[in-house]
Amino acid sequence: QFFCGFSGSSMIDYWQMIFFNLFFTSVPPLLFGALDKDVSA
């Protein structure tokens, strides 16, 4: 927003923002849920 003069314009396309959120909110929880075991049973 400093570079665009607070015009409210979007830096990236909406589909890229959706992909960013989808990728970073779906893959890590699946990996943590399946693989993360800090101590053995």
Full PDB file with SEQRES, HELIX, SHEET, SSBOND, CRYST1, ORIGX, SCALE, CONECT and MASTER records, all heavy atoms in Angstrom:
SEQRES   1 A   41  GLN PHE PHE CYS GLY PHE SER GLY SER SER MET ILE ASP          
SEQRES   2 A   41  TYR TRP GLN MET ILE PHE PHE ASN LEU PHE PHE THR SER          
SEQRES   3 A   41  VAL PRO PRO LEU LEU PHE GLY ALA LEU ASP LYS ASP VAL          
SEQRES   4 A   41  SER ALA                                                      
HELIX    1 AA1 TYR A   14  LEU A   35  1                                  22    
CRYST1    1.000    1.000    1.000  90.00  90.00  90.00 P 1           1          
ORIGX1      1.000000  0.000000  0.000000        0.00000                         
ORIGX2      0.000000  1.000000  0.000000        0.00000                         
ORIGX3      0.000000  0.000000  1.000000        0.00000                         
SCALE1      1.000000  0.000000  0.000000        0.00000                         
SCALE2      0.000000  1.000000  0.000000        0.00000                         
SCALE3      0.000000  0.000000  1.000000        0.00000                         
ATOM      1  N   GLN A   1       0.815  -1.211   0.000  1.00  0.00           N  
ATOM      2  CA  GLN A   1       0.000   0.000   0.000  1.00  0.00           C  
ATOM      3  C   GLN A   1       0.857   1.275   0.000  1.00  0.00           C  
ATOM      4  O   GLN A   1       0.437   2.300  -0.516  1.00  0.00           O  
ATOM      5  CB  GLN A   1      -0.966  -0.007   1.183  1.00  0.00           C  
ATOM      6  CG  GLN A   1      -2.037  -1.065   1.081  1.00  0.00           C  
ATOM      7  CD  GLN A   1      -2.844  -0.952  -0.191  1.00  0.00           C  
ATOM      8  OE1 GLN A   1      -3.272   0.130  -0.604  1.00  0.00           O  
ATOM      9  NE2 GLN A   1      -3.051  -2.092  -0.851  1.00  0.00           N  
ATOM     10  N   PHE A   2       2.044   1.231   0.554  1.00  0.00           N  
ATOM     11  CA  PHE A   2       2.942   2.382   0.490  1.00  0.00           C  
ATOM     12  C   PHE A   2       3.398   2.648  -0.946  1.00  0.00           C  
ATOM     13  O   PHE A   2       3.562   3.792  -1.348  1.00  0.00           O  
ATOM     14  CB  PHE A   2       4.172   2.167   1.385  1.00  0.00           C  
ATOM     15  CG  PHE A   2       3.884   2.352   2.843  1.00  0.00           C  
ATOM     16  CD1 PHE A   2       3.840   1.255   3.685  1.00  0.00           C  
ATOM     17  CD2 PHE A   2       3.636   3.610   3.372  1.00  0.00           C  
ATOM     18  CE1 PHE A   2       3.574   1.415   5.027  1.00  0.00           C  
ATOM     19  CE2 PHE A   2       3.371   3.776   4.718  1.00  0.00           C  
ATOM     20  CZ  PHE A   2       3.330   2.673   5.554  1.00  0.00           C  
ATOM     21  N   PHE A   3       3.601   1.592  -1.713  1.00  0.00           N  
ATOM     22  CA  PHE A   3       4.068   1.745  -3.090  1.00  0.00           C  
ATOM     23  C   PHE A   3       2.972   2.165  -4.046  1.00  0.00           C  
ATOM     24  O   PHE A   3       3.234   2.788  -5.066  1.00  0.00           O  
ATOM     25  CB  PHE A   3       4.721   0.447  -3.580  1.00  0.00           C  
ATOM     26  CG  PHE A   3       6.002   0.128  -2.877  1.00  0.00           C  
ATOM     27  CD1 PHE A   3       6.070  -0.947  -2.018  1.00  0.00           C  
ATOM     28  CD2 PHE A   3       7.142   0.916  -3.050  1.00  0.00           C  
ATOM     29  CE1 PHE A   3       7.246  -1.244  -1.352  1.00  0.00           C  
ATOM     30  CE2 PHE A   3       8.308   0.626  -2.384  1.00  0.00           C  
ATOM     31  CZ  PHE A   3       8.371  -0.453  -1.535  1.00  0.00           C  
ATOM     32  N   CYS A   4       1.726   1.814  -3.732  1.00  0.00           N  
ATOM     33  CA  CYS A   4       0.627   2.178  -4.634  1.00  0.00           C  
ATOM     34  C   CYS A   4      -0.114   3.421  -4.151  1.00  0.00           C  
ATOM     35  O   CYS A   4      -1.166   3.774  -4.690  1.00  0.00           O  
ATOM     36  CB  CYS A   4      -0.325   1.013  -4.833  1.00  0.00           C  
ATOM     37  SG  CYS A   4      -1.342   0.648  -3.405  1.00  0.00           S  
ATOM     38  N   GLY A   5       0.403   4.092  -3.123  1.00  0.00           N  
ATOM     39  CA  GLY A   5      -0.206   5.333  -2.654  1.00  0.00           C  
ATOM     40  C   GLY A   5      -1.532   5.124  -1.950  1.00  0.00           C  
ATOM     41  O   GLY A   5      -2.413   5.977  -2.016  1.00  0.00           O  
ATOM     42  N   PHE A   6      -1.726   3.990  -1.297  1.00  0.00           N  
ATOM     43  CA  PHE A   6      -2.952   3.667  -0.572  1.00  0.00           C  
ATOM     44  C   PHE A   6      -4.199   3.781  -1.449  1.00  0.00           C  
ATOM     45  O   PHE A   6      -5.240   4.256  -1.021  1.00  0.00           O  
ATOM     46  CB  PHE A   6      -3.093   4.545   0.683  1.00  0.00           C  
ATOM     47  CG  PHE A   6      -2.024   4.304   1.690  1.00  0.00           C  
ATOM     48  CD1 PHE A   6      -0.908   5.115   1.747  1.00  0.00           C  
ATOM     49  CD2 PHE A   6      -2.133   3.248   2.575  1.00  0.00           C  
ATOM     50  CE1 PHE A   6       0.087   4.886   2.672  1.00  0.00           C  
ATOM     51  CE2 PHE A   6      -1.146   3.008   3.506  1.00  0.00           C  
ATOM     52  CZ  PHE A   6      -0.025   3.828   3.559  1.00  0.00           C  
ATOM     53  N   SER A   7      -4.057   3.342  -2.687  1.00  0.00           N  
ATOM     54  CA  SER A   7      -5.186   3.419  -3.617  1.00  0.00           C  
ATOM     55  C   SER A   7      -6.176   2.281  -3.432  1.00  0.00           C  
ATOM     56  O   SER A   7      -7.276   2.317  -3.967  1.00  0.00           O  
ATOM     57  CB  SER A   7      -4.670   3.412  -5.061  1.00  0.00           C  
ATOM     58  OG  SER A   7      -4.082   2.157  -5.350  1.00  0.00           O  
ATOM     59  N   GLY A   8      -5.789   1.244  -2.717  1.00  0.00           N  
ATOM     60  CA  GLY A   8      -6.681   0.105  -2.518  1.00  0.00           C  
ATOM     61  C   GLY A   8      -6.556  -0.933  -3.610  1.00  0.00           C  
ATOM     62  O   GLY A   8      -7.319  -1.899  -3.631  1.00  0.00           O  
ATOM     63  N   SER A   9      -5.644  -0.739  -4.535  1.00  0.00           N  
ATOM     64  CA  SER A   9      -5.473  -1.730  -5.600  1.00  0.00           C  
ATOM     65  C   SER A   9      -4.833  -2.993  -5.034  1.00  0.00           C  
ATOM     66  O   SER A   9      -4.096  -2.960  -4.051  1.00  0.00           O  
ATOM     67  CB  SER A   9      -4.611  -1.166  -6.731  1.00  0.00           C  
ATOM     68  OG  SER A   9      -3.306  -0.921  -6.270  1.00  0.00           O  
ATOM     69  N   SER A  10      -5.124  -4.089  -5.667  1.00  0.00           N  
ATOM     70  CA  SER A  10      -4.626  -5.378  -5.204  1.00  0.00           C  
ATOM     71  C   SER A  10      -3.271  -5.669  -5.841  1.00  0.00           C  
ATOM     72  O   SER A  10      -3.056  -5.409  -7.030  1.00  0.00           O  
ATOM     73  CB  SER A  10      -5.624  -6.472  -5.577  1.00  0.00           C  
ATOM     74  OG  SER A  10      -5.138  -7.717  -5.170  1.00  0.00           O  
ATOM     75  N   MET A  11      -2.384  -6.199  -5.058  1.00  0.00           N  
ATOM     76  CA  MET A  11      -1.044  -6.477  -5.536  1.00  0.00           C  
ATOM     77  C   MET A  11      -1.011  -7.688  -6.463  1.00  0.00           C  
ATOM     78  O   MET A  11      -0.271  -7.717  -7.438  1.00  0.00           O  
ATOM     79  CB  MET A  11      -0.122  -6.725  -4.340  1.00  0.00           C  
ATOM     80  CG  MET A  11       1.309  -6.964  -4.699  1.00  0.00           C  
ATOM     81  SD  MET A  11       2.329  -7.118  -3.255  1.00  0.00           S  
ATOM     82  CE  MET A  11       2.047  -8.794  -2.823  1.00  0.00           C  
ATOM     83  N   ILE A  12      -1.824  -8.691  -6.151  1.00  0.00           N  
ATOM     84  CA  ILE A  12      -1.842  -9.915  -6.961  1.00  0.00           C  
ATOM     85  C   ILE A  12      -3.285 -10.250  -7.313  1.00  0.00           C  
ATOM     86  O   ILE A  12      -4.226  -9.752  -6.696  1.00  0.00           O  
ATOM     87  CB  ILE A  12      -1.184 -11.087  -6.206  1.00  0.00           C  
ATOM     88  CG1 ILE A  12      -1.775 -11.248  -4.806  1.00  0.00           C  
ATOM     89  CG2 ILE A  12       0.309 -10.920  -6.110  1.00  0.00           C  
ATOM     90  CD1 ILE A  12      -1.220 -12.409  -4.029  1.00  0.00           C  
ATOM     91  N   ASP A  13      -3.430 -11.104  -8.297  1.00  0.00           N  
ATOM     92  CA  ASP A  13      -4.763 -11.509  -8.722  1.00  0.00           C  
ATOM     93  C   ASP A  13      -5.454 -12.308  -7.617  1.00  0.00           C  
ATOM     94  O   ASP A  13      -4.812 -12.909  -6.766  1.00  0.00           O  
ATOM     95  CB  ASP A  13      -4.680 -12.376  -9.984  1.00  0.00           C  
ATOM     96  CG  ASP A  13      -4.211 -11.576 -11.184  1.00  0.00           C  
ATOM     97  OD1 ASP A  13      -4.422 -10.348 -11.176  1.00  0.00           O  
ATOM     98  OD2 ASP A  13      -3.631 -12.181 -12.109  1.00  0.00           O  
ATOM     99  N   TYR A  14      -6.780 -12.323  -7.697  1.00  0.00           N  
ATOM    100  CA  TYR A  14      -7.541 -13.019  -6.674  1.00  0.00           C  
ATOM    101  C   TYR A  14      -7.282 -14.517  -6.691  1.00  0.00           C  
ATOM    102  O   TYR A  14      -7.222 -15.154  -5.636  1.00  0.00           O  
ATOM    103  CB  TYR A  14      -9.038 -12.726  -6.835  1.00  0.00           C  
ATOM    104  CG  TYR A  14      -9.405 -11.345  -6.399  1.00  0.00           C  
ATOM    105  CD1 TYR A  14      -9.856 -10.405  -7.307  1.00  0.00           C  
ATOM    106  CD2 TYR A  14      -9.289 -10.976  -5.063  1.00  0.00           C  
ATOM    107  CE1 TYR A  14     -10.178  -9.124  -6.907  1.00  0.00           C  
ATOM    108  CE2 TYR A  14      -9.614  -9.699  -4.649  1.00  0.00           C  
ATOM    109  CZ  TYR A  14     -10.060  -8.783  -5.577  1.00  0.00           C  
ATOM    110  OH  TYR A  14     -10.374  -7.517  -5.166  1.00  0.00           O  
ATOM    111  N   TRP A  15      -7.122 -15.102  -7.853  1.00  0.00           N  
ATOM    112  CA  TRP A  15      -6.897 -16.544  -7.896  1.00  0.00           C  
ATOM    113  C   TRP A  15      -5.549 -16.900  -7.288  1.00  0.00           C  
ATOM    114  O   TRP A  15      -5.385 -17.967  -6.707  1.00  0.00           O  
ATOM    115  CB  TRP A  15      -7.040 -17.089  -9.322  1.00  0.00           C  
ATOM    116  CG  TRP A  15      -5.967 -16.610 -10.266  1.00  0.00           C  
ATOM    117  CD1 TRP A  15      -5.968 -15.497 -11.025  1.00  0.00           C  
ATOM    118  CD2 TRP A  15      -4.732 -17.276 -10.525  1.00  0.00           C  
ATOM    119  NE1 TRP A  15      -4.808 -15.392 -11.741  1.00  0.00           N  
ATOM    120  CE2 TRP A  15      -4.032 -16.487 -11.458  1.00  0.00           C  
ATOM    121  CE3 TRP A  15      -4.139 -18.449 -10.063  1.00  0.00           C  
ATOM    122  CZ2 TRP A  15      -2.772 -16.834 -11.929  1.00  0.00           C  
ATOM    123  CZ3 TRP A  15      -2.893 -18.791 -10.540  1.00  0.00           C  
ATOM    124  CH2 TRP A  15      -2.223 -17.991 -11.471  1.00  0.00           C  
ATOM    125  N   GLN A  16      -4.575 -16.007  -7.369  1.00  0.00           N  
ATOM    126  CA  GLN A  16      -3.292 -16.266  -6.718  1.00  0.00           C  
ATOM    127  C   GLN A  16      -3.406 -16.151  -5.203  1.00  0.00           C  
ATOM    128  O   GLN A  16      -2.786 -16.915  -4.467  1.00  0.00           O  
ATOM    129  CB  GLN A  16      -2.232 -15.298  -7.239  1.00  0.00           C  
ATOM    130  CG  GLN A  16      -1.814 -15.582  -8.664  1.00  0.00           C  
ATOM    131  CD  GLN A  16      -0.890 -14.513  -9.210  1.00  0.00           C  
ATOM    132  OE1 GLN A  16      -0.961 -13.355  -8.811  1.00  0.00           O  
ATOM    133  NE2 GLN A  16      -0.026 -14.918 -10.135  1.00  0.00           N  
ATOM    134  N   MET A  17      -4.210 -15.204  -4.720  1.00  0.00           N  
ATOM    135  CA  MET A  17      -4.436 -15.106  -3.275  1.00  0.00           C  
ATOM    136  C   MET A  17      -5.165 -16.347  -2.765  1.00  0.00           C  
ATOM    137  O   MET A  17      -4.840 -16.864  -1.692  1.00  0.00           O  
ATOM    138  CB  MET A  17      -5.255 -13.849  -2.946  1.00  0.00           C  
ATOM    139  CG  MET A  17      -4.436 -12.578  -2.997  1.00  0.00           C  
ATOM    140  SD  MET A  17      -5.230 -11.174  -2.197  1.00  0.00           S  
ATOM    141  CE  MET A  17      -6.573 -10.827  -3.295  1.00  0.00           C  
ATOM    142  N   ILE A  18      -6.139 -16.820  -3.524  1.00  0.00           N  
ATOM    143  CA  ILE A  18      -6.861 -18.027  -3.129  1.00  0.00           C  
ATOM    144  C   ILE A  18      -5.915 -19.222  -3.100  1.00  0.00           C  
ATOM    145  O   ILE A  18      -5.941 -20.032  -2.171  1.00  0.00           O  
ATOM    146  CB  ILE A  18      -8.053 -18.262  -4.074  1.00  0.00           C  
ATOM    147  CG1 ILE A  18      -9.110 -17.193  -3.846  1.00  0.00           C  
ATOM    148  CG2 ILE A  18      -8.636 -19.649  -3.870  1.00  0.00           C  
ATOM    149  CD1 ILE A  18     -10.220 -17.198  -4.873  1.00  0.00           C  
ATOM    150  N   PHE A  19      -5.055 -19.339  -4.119  1.00  0.00           N  
ATOM    151  CA  PHE A  19      -4.094 -20.436  -4.149  1.00  0.00           C  
ATOM    152  C   PHE A  19      -3.118 -20.355  -2.974  1.00  0.00           C  
ATOM    153  O   PHE A  19      -2.791 -21.366  -2.355  1.00  0.00           O  
ATOM    154  CB  PHE A  19      -3.337 -20.439  -5.477  1.00  0.00           C  
ATOM    155  CG  PHE A  19      -2.300 -21.517  -5.558  1.00  0.00           C  
ATOM    156  CD1 PHE A  19      -2.683 -22.843  -5.733  1.00  0.00           C  
ATOM    157  CD2 PHE A  19      -0.954 -21.221  -5.443  1.00  0.00           C  
ATOM    158  CE1 PHE A  19      -1.739 -23.846  -5.794  1.00  0.00           C  
ATOM    159  CE2 PHE A  19      -0.005 -22.214  -5.501  1.00  0.00           C  
ATOM    160  CZ  PHE A  19      -0.393 -23.539  -5.682  1.00  0.00           C  
ATOM    161  N   PHE A  20      -2.668 -19.147  -2.654  1.00  0.00           N  
ATOM    162  CA  PHE A  20      -1.761 -18.967  -1.518  1.00  0.00           C  
ATOM    163  C   PHE A  20      -2.411 -19.460  -0.231  1.00  0.00           C  
ATOM    164  O   PHE A  20      -1.827 -20.243   0.527  1.00  0.00           O  
ATOM    165  CB  PHE A  20      -1.382 -17.484  -1.396  1.00  0.00           C  
ATOM    166  CG  PHE A  20      -0.587 -17.148  -0.171  1.00  0.00           C  
ATOM    167  CD1 PHE A  20       0.783 -17.344  -0.142  1.00  0.00           C  
ATOM    168  CD2 PHE A  20      -1.212 -16.640   0.962  1.00  0.00           C  
ATOM    169  CE1 PHE A  20       1.528 -17.033   0.990  1.00  0.00           C  
ATOM    170  CE2 PHE A  20      -0.477 -16.332   2.096  1.00  0.00           C  
ATOM    171  CZ  PHE A  20       0.888 -16.529   2.103  1.00  0.00           C  
ATOM    172  N   ASN A  21      -3.631 -19.006   0.024  1.00  0.00           N  
ATOM    173  CA  ASN A  21      -4.327 -19.424   1.240  1.00  0.00           C  
ATOM    174  C   ASN A  21      -4.649 -20.914   1.218  1.00  0.00           C  
ATOM    175  O   ASN A  21      -4.520 -21.589   2.235  1.00  0.00           O  
ATOM    176  CB  ASN A  21      -5.607 -18.618   1.431  1.00  0.00           C  
ATOM    177  CG  ASN A  21      -5.427 -17.559   2.489  1.00  0.00           C  
ATOM    178  OD1 ASN A  21      -4.551 -17.649   3.311  1.00  0.00           O  
ATOM    179  ND2 ASN A  21      -6.265 -16.551   2.439  1.00  0.00           N  
ATOM    180  N   LEU A  22      -5.065 -21.422   0.078  1.00  0.00           N  
ATOM    181  CA  LEU A  22      -5.404 -22.838  -0.017  1.00  0.00           C  
ATOM    182  C   LEU A  22      -4.177 -23.704   0.223  1.00  0.00           C  
ATOM    183  O   LEU A  22      -4.211 -24.667   0.991  1.00  0.00           O  
ATOM    184  CB  LEU A  22      -6.005 -23.146  -1.390  1.00  0.00           C  
ATOM    185  CG  LEU A  22      -6.393 -24.598  -1.634  1.00  0.00           C  
ATOM    186  CD1 LEU A  22      -7.564 -24.963  -0.744  1.00  0.00           C  
ATOM    187  CD2 LEU A  22      -6.747 -24.814  -3.083  1.00  0.00           C  
ATOM    188  N   PHE A  23      -3.068 -23.360  -0.394  1.00  0.00           N  
ATOM    189  CA  PHE A  23      -1.858 -24.160  -0.249  1.00  0.00           C  
ATOM    190  C   PHE A  23      -1.304 -24.095   1.172  1.00  0.00           C  
ATOM    191  O   PHE A  23      -0.960 -25.107   1.766  1.00  0.00           O  
ATOM    192  CB  PHE A  23      -0.790 -23.689  -1.248  1.00  0.00           C  
ATOM    193  CG  PHE A  23       0.486 -24.461  -1.156  1.00  0.00           C  
ATOM    194  CD1 PHE A  23       0.560 -25.759  -1.651  1.00  0.00           C  
ATOM    195  CD2 PHE A  23       1.605 -23.913  -0.559  1.00  0.00           C  
ATOM    196  CE1 PHE A  23       1.728 -26.491  -1.551  1.00  0.00           C  
ATOM    197  CE2 PHE A  23       2.782 -24.634  -0.456  1.00  0.00           C  
ATOM    198  CZ  PHE A  23       2.845 -25.925  -0.959  1.00  0.00           C  
ATOM    199  N   PHE A  24      -1.248 -22.903   1.745  1.00  0.00           N  
ATOM    200  CA  PHE A  24      -0.646 -22.748   3.062  1.00  0.00           C  
ATOM    201  C   PHE A  24      -1.595 -23.075   4.212  1.00  0.00           C  
ATOM    202  O   PHE A  24      -1.173 -23.078   5.364  1.00  0.00           O  
ATOM    203  CB  PHE A  24      -0.087 -21.337   3.236  1.00  0.00           C  
ATOM    204  CG  PHE A  24       1.210 -21.148   2.518  1.00  0.00           C  
ATOM    205  CD1 PHE A  24       1.268 -20.425   1.337  1.00  0.00           C  
ATOM    206  CD2 PHE A  24       2.371 -21.712   3.003  1.00  0.00           C  
ATOM    207  CE1 PHE A  24       2.460 -20.253   0.671  1.00  0.00           C  
ATOM    208  CE2 PHE A  24       3.567 -21.550   2.341  1.00  0.00           C  
ATOM    209  CZ  PHE A  24       3.618 -20.819   1.173  1.00  0.00           C  
ATOM    210  N   THR A  25      -2.863 -23.315   3.934  1.00  0.00           N  
ATOM    211  CA  THR A  25      -3.766 -23.723   5.012  1.00  0.00           C  
ATOM    212  C   THR A  25      -4.261 -25.147   4.861  1.00  0.00           C  
ATOM    213  O   THR A  25      -4.963 -25.635   5.735  1.00  0.00           O  
ATOM    214  CB  THR A  25      -4.982 -22.785   5.113  1.00  0.00           C  
ATOM    215  OG1 THR A  25      -5.654 -22.777   3.867  1.00  0.00           O  
ATOM    216  CG2 THR A  25      -4.579 -21.405   5.526  1.00  0.00           C  
ATOM    217  N   SER A  26      -3.928 -25.831   3.776  1.00  0.00           N  
ATOM    218  CA  SER A  26      -4.386 -27.213   3.636  1.00  0.00           C  
ATOM    219  C   SER A  26      -3.248 -28.225   3.749  1.00  0.00           C  
ATOM    220  O   SER A  26      -3.399 -29.248   4.402  1.00  0.00           O  
ATOM    221  CB  SER A  26      -5.116 -27.397   2.309  1.00  0.00           C  
ATOM    222  OG  SER A  26      -4.226 -27.161   1.234  1.00  0.00           O  
ATOM    223  N   VAL A  27      -2.110 -27.943   3.148  1.00  0.00           N  
ATOM    224  CA  VAL A  27      -1.021 -28.914   3.157  1.00  0.00           C  
ATOM    225  C   VAL A  27      -0.372 -29.056   4.544  1.00  0.00           C  
ATOM    226  O   VAL A  27      -0.233 -30.179   5.038  1.00  0.00           O  
ATOM    227  CB  VAL A  27       0.021 -28.559   2.070  1.00  0.00           C  
ATOM    228  CG1 VAL A  27       1.212 -29.485   2.137  1.00  0.00           C  
ATOM    229  CG2 VAL A  27      -0.621 -28.628   0.695  1.00  0.00           C  
ATOM    230  N   PRO A  28       0.036 -27.972   5.211  1.00  0.00           N  
ATOM    231  CA  PRO A  28       0.676 -28.147   6.534  1.00  0.00           C  
ATOM    232  C   PRO A  28      -0.199 -28.847   7.577  1.00  0.00           C  
ATOM    233  O   PRO A  28       0.307 -29.712   8.293  1.00  0.00           O  
ATOM    234  CB  PRO A  28       1.017 -26.719   6.960  1.00  0.00           C  
ATOM    235  CG  PRO A  28       1.182 -25.992   5.678  1.00  0.00           C  
ATOM    236  CD  PRO A  28       0.154 -26.579   4.760  1.00  0.00           C  
ATOM    237  N   PRO A  29      -1.496 -28.533   7.699  1.00  0.00           N  
ATOM    238  CA  PRO A  29      -2.286 -29.292   8.677  1.00  0.00           C  
ATOM    239  C   PRO A  29      -2.340 -30.786   8.362  1.00  0.00           C  
ATOM    240  O   PRO A  29      -2.317 -31.606   9.274  1.00  0.00           O  
ATOM    241  CB  PRO A  29      -3.688 -28.668   8.588  1.00  0.00           C  
ATOM    242  CG  PRO A  29      -3.459 -27.297   8.100  1.00  0.00           C  
ATOM    243  CD  PRO A  29      -2.286 -27.393   7.181  1.00  0.00           C  
ATOM    244  N   LEU A  30      -2.402 -31.138   7.076  1.00  0.00           N  
ATOM    245  CA  LEU A  30      -2.409 -32.559   6.730  1.00  0.00           C  
ATOM    246  C   LEU A  30      -1.086 -33.217   7.094  1.00  0.00           C  
ATOM    247  O   LEU A  30      -1.060 -34.330   7.637  1.00  0.00           O  
ATOM    248  CB  LEU A  30      -2.694 -32.736   5.237  1.00  0.00           C  
ATOM    249  CG  LEU A  30      -4.097 -32.371   4.784  1.00  0.00           C  
ATOM    250  CD1 LEU A  30      -4.219 -32.443   3.268  1.00  0.00           C  
ATOM    251  CD2 LEU A  30      -5.112 -33.292   5.436  1.00  0.00           C  
ATOM    252  N   LEU A  31       0.016 -32.538   6.806  1.00  0.00           N  
ATOM    253  CA  LEU A  31       1.326 -33.096   7.141  1.00  0.00           C  
ATOM    254  C   LEU A  31       1.517 -33.178   8.657  1.00  0.00           C  
ATOM    255  O   LEU A  31       1.996 -34.199   9.168  1.00  0.00           O  
ATOM    256  CB  LEU A  31       2.438 -32.266   6.504  1.00  0.00           C  
ATOM    257  CG  LEU A  31       2.541 -32.352   4.991  1.00  0.00           C  
ATOM    258  CD1 LEU A  31       3.614 -31.410   4.465  1.00  0.00           C  
ATOM    259  CD2 LEU A  31       2.830 -33.771   4.554  1.00  0.00           C  
ATOM    260  N   PHE A  32       1.171 -32.114   9.375  1.00  0.00           N  
ATOM    261  CA  PHE A  32       1.295 -32.150  10.832  1.00  0.00           C  
ATOM    262  C   PHE A  32       0.397 -33.234  11.431  1.00  0.00           C  
ATOM    263  O   PHE A  32       0.809 -33.954  12.333  1.00  0.00           O  
ATOM    264  CB  PHE A  32       0.913 -30.800  11.445  1.00  0.00           C  
ATOM    265  CG  PHE A  32       2.065 -29.866  11.604  1.00  0.00           C  
ATOM    266  CD1 PHE A  32       2.124 -28.696  10.880  1.00  0.00           C  
ATOM    267  CD2 PHE A  32       3.082 -30.149  12.480  1.00  0.00           C  
ATOM    268  CE1 PHE A  32       3.178 -27.831  11.027  1.00  0.00           C  
ATOM    269  CE2 PHE A  32       4.146 -29.281  12.641  1.00  0.00           C  
ATOM    270  CZ  PHE A  32       4.197 -28.119  11.907  1.00  0.00           C  
ATOM    271  N   GLY A  33      -0.819 -33.332  10.924  1.00  0.00           N  
ATOM    272  CA  GLY A  33      -1.759 -34.306  11.468  1.00  0.00           C  
ATOM    273  C   GLY A  33      -1.343 -35.740  11.245  1.00  0.00           C  
ATOM    274  O   GLY A  33      -1.616 -36.610  12.068  1.00  0.00           O  
ATOM    275  N   ALA A  34      -0.669 -36.006  10.140  1.00  0.00           N  
ATOM    276  CA  ALA A  34      -0.288 -37.382   9.828  1.00  0.00           C  
ATOM    277  C   ALA A  34       1.100 -37.760  10.320  1.00  0.00           C  
ATOM    278  O   ALA A  34       1.335 -38.906  10.695  1.00  0.00           O  
ATOM    279  CB  ALA A  34      -0.362 -37.591   8.319  1.00  0.00           C  
ATOM    280  N   LEU A  35       2.023 -36.817  10.334  1.00  0.00           N  
ATOM    281  CA  LEU A  35       3.417 -37.177  10.566  1.00  0.00           C  
ATOM    282  C   LEU A  35       4.018 -36.676  11.867  1.00  0.00           C  
ATOM    283  O   LEU A  35       5.046 -37.203  12.301  1.00  0.00           O  
ATOM    284  CB  LEU A  35       4.276 -36.658   9.401  1.00  0.00           C  
ATOM    285  CG  LEU A  35       3.853 -37.129   8.013  1.00  0.00           C  
ATOM    286  CD1 LEU A  35       4.700 -36.457   6.955  1.00  0.00           C  
ATOM    287  CD2 LEU A  35       3.952 -38.641   7.898  1.00  0.00           C  
ATOM    288  N   ASP A  36       3.458 -35.656  12.482  1.00  0.00           N  
ATOM    289  CA  ASP A  36       4.108 -35.032  13.636  1.00  0.00           C  
ATOM    290  C   ASP A  36       3.846 -35.819  14.917  1.00  0.00           C  
ATOM    291  O   ASP A  36       2.717 -35.863  15.420  1.00  0.00           O  
ATOM    292  CB  ASP A  36       3.615 -33.598  13.803  1.00  0.00           C  
ATOM    293  CG  ASP A  36       4.389 -32.858  14.867  1.00  0.00           C  
ATOM    294  OD1 ASP A  36       5.598 -33.107  14.982  1.00  0.00           O  
ATOM    295  OD2 ASP A  36       3.776 -32.034  15.566  1.00  0.00           O  
ATOM    296  N   LYS A  37       4.882 -36.461  15.426  1.00  0.00           N  
ATOM    297  CA  LYS A  37       4.834 -37.170  16.702  1.00  0.00           C  
ATOM    298  C   LYS A  37       6.134 -36.859  17.420  1.00  0.00           C  
ATOM    299  O   LYS A  37       7.173 -37.426  17.115  1.00  0.00           O  
ATOM    300  CB  LYS A  37       4.683 -38.674  16.478  1.00  0.00           C  
ATOM    301  CG  LYS A  37       3.383 -39.036  15.814  1.00  0.00           C  
ATOM    302  CD  LYS A  37       3.292 -40.503  15.532  1.00  0.00           C  
ATOM    303  CE  LYS A  37       1.981 -40.779  14.818  1.00  0.00           C  
ATOM    304  NZ  LYS A  37       1.898 -42.128  14.329  1.00  0.00           N  
ATOM    305  N   ASP A  38       6.074 -35.919  18.372  1.00  0.00           N  
ATOM    306  CA  ASP A  38       7.296 -35.467  19.032  1.00  0.00           C  
ATOM    307  C   ASP A  38       7.908 -36.513  19.954  1.00  0.00           C  
ATOM    308  O   ASP A  38       9.116 -36.545  20.151  1.00  0.00           O  
ATOM    309  CB  ASP A  38       7.044 -34.162  19.783  1.00  0.00           C  
ATOM    310  CG  ASP A  38       5.938 -34.282  20.805  1.00  0.00           C  
ATOM    311  OD1 ASP A  38       5.168 -35.252  20.736  1.00  0.00           O  
ATOM    312  OD2 ASP A  38       5.841 -33.401  21.669  1.00  0.00           O  
ATOM    313  N   VAL A  39       7.090 -37.385  20.528  1.00  0.00           N  
ATOM    314  CA  VAL A  39       7.557 -38.435  21.420  1.00  0.00           C  
ATOM    315  C   VAL A  39       6.833 -39.723  21.031  1.00  0.00           C  
ATOM    316  O   VAL A  39       5.659 -39.691  20.655  1.00  0.00           O  
ATOM    317  CB  VAL A  39       7.261 -38.087  22.907  1.00  0.00           C  
ATOM    318  CG1 VAL A  39       7.778 -39.138  23.846  1.00  0.00           C  
ATOM    319  CG2 VAL A  39       7.836 -36.734  23.268  1.00  0.00           C  
ATOM    320  N   SER A  40       7.507 -40.855  21.127  1.00  0.00           N  
ATOM    321  CA  SER A  40       6.890 -42.124  20.744  1.00  0.00           C  
ATOM    322  C   SER A  40       5.791 -42.520  21.732  1.00  0.00           C  
ATOM    323  O   SER A  40       5.772 -42.086  22.885  1.00  0.00           O  
ATOM    324  CB  SER A  40       7.938 -43.230  20.672  1.00  0.00           C  
ATOM    325  OG  SER A  40       8.414 -43.527  21.976  1.00  0.00           O  
ATOM    326  N   ALA A  41       4.893 -43.364  21.268  1.00  0.00           N  
ATOM    327  CA  ALA A  41       3.774 -43.806  22.101  1.00  0.00           C  
ATOM    328  C   ALA A  41       4.260 -44.600  23.311  1.00  0.00           C  
ATOM    329  O   ALA A  41       3.711 -44.466  24.414  1.00  0.00           O  
ATOM    330  CB  ALA A  41       2.811 -44.644  21.270  1.00  0.00           C  
TER     331      ALA A  41                                                      
MASTER        0    0    0    1    0    0    0    6  330    1    0    4          
END                                                                             
